[in-house]
Amino acid sequence: MYPHERSLVQRLADEPFALIGVNSDPKERALKACEENDITWRSFWAGPEGTRGPIPRQWNVRGWPTIYVLDAQGVIRFKGVRGEAMDHAVDTLLAELRK
C-alpha cells in the first residue's frame, strides 16, 4: 500500500489532507520500513503490545491494515477503503469542504 499512499500524499500536498499511519511491527522494523519505503507522512509506533497497544485499543483496531478516513470534524466516514476507493473517499470529503 505504500506506493499508493505515497502518490495520494503527493497528489494532495496542497489540500487540507493528512495521512497518518500506525505500525505495530517491532520498533526497529517499523523505523526501517519508514526509511526503506520513503514514508514522509506521520507514522506512529503502536508500542510493543501491537494491536493491544494504546492507539489500536482507542481506535478499535484488531488487525492490519485497518483504514479509517475521517472528515474535517474527526468523524470516521469511511472504513476499509483501499486503492481507488480510498481516493474516492478522500476526494468526496475534500469536495464537501469546498461547498
C-alpha atoms as a PDB file:
ATOM      1  CA  MET A   1       0.000   0.000   0.000  1.00  0.00           C
ATOM      2  CA  TYR A   2       2.949   2.345   0.444  1.00  0.00           C
ATOM      3  CA  PRO A   3       3.223   3.333  -3.234  1.00  0.00           C
ATOM      4  CA  HIS A   4      -0.470   4.258  -3.364  1.00  0.00           C
ATOM      5  CA  GLU A   5      -0.302   6.142  -0.079  1.00  0.00           C
ATOM      6  CA  ARG A   6       2.789   7.999  -1.274  1.00  0.00           C
ATOM      7  CA  SER A   7       1.015   9.032  -4.508  1.00  0.00           C
ATOM      8  CA  LEU A   8      -2.017  10.183  -2.503  1.00  0.00           C
ATOM      9  CA  VAL A   9       0.166  12.335  -0.235  1.00  0.00           C
ATOM     10  CA  GLN A  10       1.909  13.845  -3.264  1.00  0.00           C
ATOM     11  CA  ARG A  11      -1.334  14.480  -5.160  1.00  0.00           C
ATOM     12  CA  LEU A  12      -2.932  16.193  -2.172  1.00  0.00           C
ATOM     13  CA  ALA A  13       0.116  18.122  -0.958  1.00  0.00           C
ATOM     14  CA  ASP A  14      -1.691  21.470  -1.300  1.00  0.00           C
ATOM     15  CA  GLU A  15      -5.013  20.254   0.105  1.00  0.00           C
ATOM     16  CA  PRO A  16      -6.318  20.074   3.692  1.00  0.00           C
ATOM     17  CA  PHE A  17      -5.384  16.402   3.901  1.00  0.00           C
ATOM     18  CA  ALA A  18      -3.249  14.339   6.239  1.00  0.00           C
ATOM     19  CA  LEU A  19      -2.313  10.683   6.069  1.00  0.00           C
ATOM     20  CA  ILE A  20      -1.393   9.143   9.405  1.00  0.00           C
ATOM     21  CA  GLY A  21      -0.025   5.653   9.815  1.00  0.00           C
ATOM     22  CA  VAL A  22       0.341   3.338  12.781  1.00  0.00           C
ATOM     23  CA  ASN A  23       2.801   0.447  12.690  1.00  0.00           C
ATOM     24  CA  SER A  24       2.753  -2.487  15.090  1.00  0.00           C
ATOM     25  CA  ASP A  25       5.966  -4.149  13.923  1.00  0.00           C
ATOM     26  CA  PRO A  26       8.858  -4.248  16.386  1.00  0.00           C
ATOM     27  CA  LYS A  27      10.151  -0.684  16.674  1.00  0.00           C
ATOM     28  CA  GLU A  28      13.384  -1.264  14.748  1.00  0.00           C
ATOM     29  CA  ARG A  29      11.483  -2.901  11.876  1.00  0.00           C
ATOM     30  CA  ALA A  30       8.904  -0.075  11.852  1.00  0.00           C
ATOM     31  CA  LEU A  31      11.652   2.556  11.631  1.00  0.00           C
ATOM     32  CA  LYS A  32      13.390   0.617   8.867  1.00  0.00           C
ATOM     33  CA  ALA A  33      10.113   0.318   6.919  1.00  0.00           C
ATOM     34  CA  CYS A  34       9.629   4.095   7.107  1.00  0.00           C
ATOM     35  CA  GLU A  35      13.110   4.683   5.757  1.00  0.00           C
ATOM     36  CA  GLU A  36      13.098   1.998   3.061  1.00  0.00           C
ATOM     37  CA  ASN A  37       9.609   2.883   1.789  1.00  0.00           C
ATOM     38  CA  ASP A  38      10.096   6.664   1.770  1.00  0.00           C
ATOM     39  CA  ILE A  39       7.271   7.250   4.231  1.00  0.00           C
ATOM     40  CA  THR A  40       7.085  11.028   4.538  1.00  0.00           C
ATOM     41  CA  TRP A  41       3.780  11.225   6.398  1.00  0.00           C
ATOM     42  CA  ARG A  42       3.351  10.856  10.145  1.00  0.00           C
ATOM     43  CA  SER A  43       3.644   7.262  11.209  1.00  0.00           C
ATOM     44  CA  PHE A  44       3.328   6.228  14.814  1.00  0.00           C
ATOM     45  CA  TRP A  45       4.521   3.076  16.512  1.00  0.00           C
ATOM     46  CA  ALA A  46       1.731   1.158  18.262  1.00  0.00           C
ATOM     47  CA  GLY A  47       4.085   0.020  21.006  1.00  0.00           C
ATOM     48  CA  PRO A  48       5.356  -3.415  21.974  1.00  0.00           C
ATOM     49  CA  GLU A  49       1.770  -4.590  22.582  1.00  0.00           C
ATOM     50  CA  GLY A  50       0.892  -4.459  18.856  1.00  0.00           C
ATOM     51  CA  THR A  51      -2.884  -4.403  18.404  1.00  0.00           C
ATOM     52  CA  ARG A  52      -3.248  -4.272  22.193  1.00  0.00           C
ATOM     53  CA  GLY A  53      -1.287  -1.003  22.365  1.00  0.00           C
ATOM     54  CA  PRO A  54      -2.911   2.337  23.250  1.00  0.00           C
ATOM     55  CA  ILE A  55      -3.538   3.614  19.712  1.00  0.00           C
ATOM     56  CA  PRO A  56      -5.096   0.390  18.364  1.00  0.00           C
ATOM     57  CA  ARG A  57      -7.200  -0.016  21.518  1.00  0.00           C
ATOM     58  CA  GLN A  58      -8.512   3.548  21.320  1.00  0.00           C
ATOM     59  CA  TRP A  59      -9.404   3.156  17.636  1.00  0.00           C
ATOM     60  CA  ASN A  60     -10.689  -0.446  17.922  1.00  0.00           C
ATOM     61  CA  VAL A  61      -8.032  -1.850  15.575  1.00  0.00           C
ATOM     62  CA  ARG A  62      -7.956  -5.629  15.606  1.00  0.00           C
ATOM     63  CA  GLY A  63      -5.705  -6.265  12.597  1.00  0.00           C
ATOM     64  CA  TRP A  64      -3.568  -4.623   9.971  1.00  0.00           C
ATOM     65  CA  PRO A  65      -4.184  -2.813   7.780  1.00  0.00           C
ATOM     66  CA  THR A  66      -7.181  -1.011   9.246  1.00  0.00           C
ATOM     67  CA  ILE A  67      -8.119   2.064   7.262  1.00  0.00           C
ATOM     68  CA  TYR A  68     -10.309   4.894   8.515  1.00  0.00           C
ATOM     69  CA  VAL A  69     -10.995   8.058   6.528  1.00  0.00           C
ATOM     70  CA  LEU A  70     -12.057  10.907   8.792  1.00  0.00           C
ATOM     71  CA  ASP A  71     -13.748  14.146   7.851  1.00  0.00           C
ATOM     72  CA  ALA A  72     -12.699  17.633   8.962  1.00  0.00           C
ATOM     73  CA  GLN A  73     -14.573  17.169  12.263  1.00  0.00           C
ATOM     74  CA  GLY A  74     -12.729  13.934  13.062  1.00  0.00           C
ATOM     75  CA  VAL A  75     -15.722  11.673  12.318  1.00  0.00           C
ATOM     76  CA  ILE A  76     -14.948   8.324  10.702  1.00  0.00           C
ATOM     77  CA  ARG A  77     -16.787   8.466   7.371  1.00  0.00           C
ATOM     78  CA  PHE A  78     -15.223   5.528   5.513  1.00  0.00           C
ATOM     79  CA  LYS A  79     -13.719   2.243   6.703  1.00  0.00           C
ATOM     80  CA  GLY A  80     -11.584  -0.325   4.942  1.00  0.00           C
ATOM     81  CA  VAL A  81     -11.204   1.577   1.676  1.00  0.00           C
ATOM     82  CA  ARG A  82      -8.141   0.923  -0.466  1.00  0.00           C
ATOM     83  CA  GLY A  83      -6.833   1.999  -3.847  1.00  0.00           C
ATOM     84  CA  GLU A  84      -9.395   3.804  -5.973  1.00  0.00           C
ATOM     85  CA  ALA A  85     -11.997   3.521  -3.202  1.00  0.00           C
ATOM     86  CA  MET A  86      -9.652   5.400  -0.849  1.00  0.00           C
ATOM     87  CA  ASP A  87      -9.093   8.090  -3.489  1.00  0.00           C
ATOM     88  CA  HIS A  88     -12.849   8.429  -3.959  1.00  0.00           C
ATOM     89  CA  ALA A  89     -13.442   8.692  -0.204  1.00  0.00           C
ATOM     90  CA  VAL A  90     -10.819  11.412   0.236  1.00  0.00           C
ATOM     91  CA  ASP A  91     -11.946  13.304  -2.875  1.00  0.00           C
ATOM     92  CA  THR A  92     -15.567  13.166  -1.656  1.00  0.00           C
ATOM     93  CA  LEU A  93     -14.643  14.739   1.673  1.00  0.00           C
ATOM     94  CA  LEU A  94     -12.481  17.406   0.021  1.00  0.00           C
ATOM     95  CA  ALA A  95     -15.377  18.281  -2.295  1.00  0.00           C
ATOM     96  CA  GLU A  96     -17.634  18.689   0.755  1.00  0.00           C
ATOM     97  CA  LEU A  97     -15.164  21.163   2.232  1.00  0.00           C
ATOM     98  CA  ARG A  98     -15.302  23.282  -0.921  1.00  0.00           C
ATOM     99  CA  LYS A  99     -19.090  23.692  -0.833  1.00  0.00           C
END
